[in-house]
Each structure stands twice: as C-alpha cells, then as structure tokens.
Protein backbone atom coordinates (compact mmCIF):
# COMPACT_ATOMS: atom_id res chain seq x y z
CA SER A 1 -114.62 -210.12 239.71
CA PRO A 2 -117.56 -212.56 239.99
CA SER A 3 -116.26 -214.19 243.17
CA ALA A 4 -115.86 -210.81 244.95
CA THR A 5 -119.45 -209.91 244.01
CA MET A 6 -120.64 -213.29 245.29
CA VAL A 7 -118.82 -212.95 248.60
CA ASP A 8 -120.15 -209.39 249.08
CA ALA A 9 -123.72 -210.62 248.44
CA LEU A 10 -123.27 -213.40 251.01
CA ALA A 11 -121.82 -211.43 253.90
CA GLY A 12 -122.83 -213.08 257.16
CA CYS A 13 -123.46 -216.52 255.65
CA LEU A 14 -121.46 -219.53 256.85
CA PHE A 15 -119.98 -221.86 254.25
CA GLU A 16 -116.61 -223.17 253.16
CA ASP A 17 -114.68 -221.82 250.17
CA ILE A 18 -113.87 -225.08 248.37
CA GLN A 19 -111.22 -225.58 245.71
CA TYR A 20 -112.62 -227.40 242.67
CA GLU A 21 -109.35 -229.33 242.36
CA ASP A 22 -110.19 -231.04 245.68
CA ILE A 23 -113.36 -232.58 244.19
CA GLN A 24 -113.47 -235.83 242.20
CA VAL A 25 -116.51 -235.56 239.91
CA GLU A 26 -118.05 -238.96 239.09
CA ALA A 27 -121.22 -238.57 237.01
CA ALA A 28 -124.11 -236.26 236.08
CA VAL A 29 -127.22 -237.24 238.03
CA GLY A 30 -129.77 -234.63 236.89
CA ARG A 31 -130.70 -230.99 236.61
CA GLY A 32 -131.43 -228.62 239.46
CA THR A 33 -133.02 -225.18 239.67
CA PHE A 34 -129.96 -224.06 237.77
CA GLY A 35 -127.40 -226.06 235.85
CA VAL A 36 -126.45 -229.71 236.07
CA VAL A 37 -126.08 -231.76 239.26
CA PHE A 38 -123.12 -234.15 239.52
CA LYS A 39 -122.29 -236.85 242.04
CA ALA A 40 -118.75 -236.36 243.33
CA VAL A 41 -116.40 -237.11 246.21
CA TRP A 42 -114.93 -234.39 248.45
CA LYS A 43 -112.90 -235.09 251.59
CA GLY A 44 -113.82 -238.77 251.37
CA LYS A 45 -117.59 -238.26 251.33
CA ASP A 46 -120.18 -238.39 248.56
CA VAL A 47 -121.39 -234.91 247.60
CA ALA A 48 -123.64 -233.32 245.01
CA ILE A 49 -122.17 -230.55 242.89
CA LYS A 50 -124.72 -228.07 241.52
CA THR A 51 -123.30 -226.00 238.68
CA ILE A 52 -124.25 -222.69 237.11
CA GLU A 53 -124.56 -222.64 233.32
CA SER A 54 -125.18 -218.94 232.66
CA ASP A 55 -125.09 -215.51 234.24
CA SER A 56 -128.90 -215.47 234.30
CA GLU A 57 -128.78 -218.36 236.80
CA ARG A 58 -126.48 -216.45 239.16
CA ASN A 59 -129.38 -214.96 241.18
CA ALA A 60 -130.97 -218.40 241.77
CA PHE A 61 -127.53 -219.67 242.79
CA LEU A 62 -127.04 -216.83 245.29
CA VAL A 63 -130.52 -217.33 246.77
CA GLU A 64 -129.93 -221.06 247.28
CA LEU A 65 -126.44 -220.49 248.71
CA ARG A 66 -127.76 -217.81 251.08
CA GLN A 67 -130.71 -219.95 252.26
CA LEU A 68 -128.82 -223.21 252.73
CA SER A 69 -125.91 -221.55 254.52
CA ARG A 70 -128.28 -220.34 257.25
CA VAL A 71 -129.99 -223.63 258.11
CA SER A 72 -128.89 -226.82 259.78
CA HIS A 73 -131.44 -229.61 260.15
CA PRO A 74 -131.27 -233.39 259.61
CA ASN A 75 -134.12 -233.20 257.05
CA ILE A 76 -132.48 -230.50 254.92
CA VAL A 77 -129.61 -231.23 252.56
CA LYS A 78 -126.40 -229.86 254.08
CA LEU A 79 -124.45 -227.20 252.26
CA TYR A 80 -120.70 -227.74 252.61
CA GLY A 81 -119.62 -224.73 250.58
CA PHE A 82 -119.07 -223.45 247.08
CA CYS A 83 -116.42 -223.11 244.41
CA ASP A 84 -115.93 -219.92 242.46
CA ASP A 85 -114.05 -221.41 239.48
CA PRO A 86 -116.16 -222.98 238.11
CA VAL A 87 -119.08 -221.62 240.13
CA CYS A 88 -120.87 -224.48 241.91
CA LEU A 89 -122.46 -225.50 245.21
CA VAL A 90 -121.00 -228.45 247.13
CA MET A 91 -123.82 -230.18 249.02
CA GLU A 92 -124.66 -233.38 250.84
CA TYR A 93 -125.49 -236.14 248.36
CA ALA A 94 -129.06 -237.45 248.76
CA GLU A 95 -128.80 -241.14 247.81
CA CYS A 96 -132.52 -241.50 246.97
CA GLY A 97 -132.56 -238.65 244.47
CA SER A 98 -134.64 -235.50 244.46
CA LEU A 99 -137.71 -234.92 246.59
CA TYR A 100 -139.68 -234.34 243.38
CA ASN A 101 -138.76 -237.82 242.09
CA ARG A 102 -139.47 -239.39 245.48
CA LYS A 103 -142.91 -237.73 245.62
CA SER A 104 -143.75 -238.89 242.08
CA TYR A 105 -142.67 -242.44 242.96
CA THR A 106 -144.75 -242.47 246.16
CA VAL A 107 -147.86 -241.20 244.34
CA SER A 108 -147.54 -243.83 241.59
CA VAL A 109 -147.11 -246.63 244.17
CA LEU A 110 -150.19 -245.52 246.10
CA LYS A 111 -152.45 -245.50 243.00
C-alpha cells in the first residue's frame, strides 16, 4: 500500500501520523512544490495542508517530509505530520505567505 511504502521510506524521521478527519480545511491559499496548499485548523491551531495531486509528485513529497521532519528552528516552518488518505503534509501556517512572495514584495518596495 502507498502508506506502507511511505513509512518505510521515512524510517528514522519524527512526525505525527494525522487523521484527515481531525482537520478542518478552510480555503486554498496557493500552490507549492507539489499540489495545492490549503489553510486549515488542526488541534485548535492554524496549519497549512500541502496536498499531492499525482504519483509523479510523490518523490518531492517524500523529500520535503524527510527534510522537514529532521529540523527544528524558529525560522523554518514546522512540520506537524502527514496524512496518508488523502496524502498531505500538515505544517505550521505562515501568515505572511510564501518566502517567494515576500521576496518579490520586498524587491518591488525597494525599487
């Protein structure tokens, strides 16, 4: 099954297995490296849900899950965990949007 393959590929990584039913999805806020990003609420806090749209995006998903599960720093978006049905990352919600948008805004203001 896909979730068994995912768990095998992520042995040694720390994250929570989250049930999608525990998430209240509010609105789509953009696109990520893969799939659509939604603002949602999980355990009373705002979160970003990054979804997978196709099997070809699975590798990018696994890389991001593996990388984020190994770091903890106040300047890096926190990974809370993932759901396996549907497949998605559950991450800290960055109120100001993506770093790409923030950089573009800063450059345009400075011109």
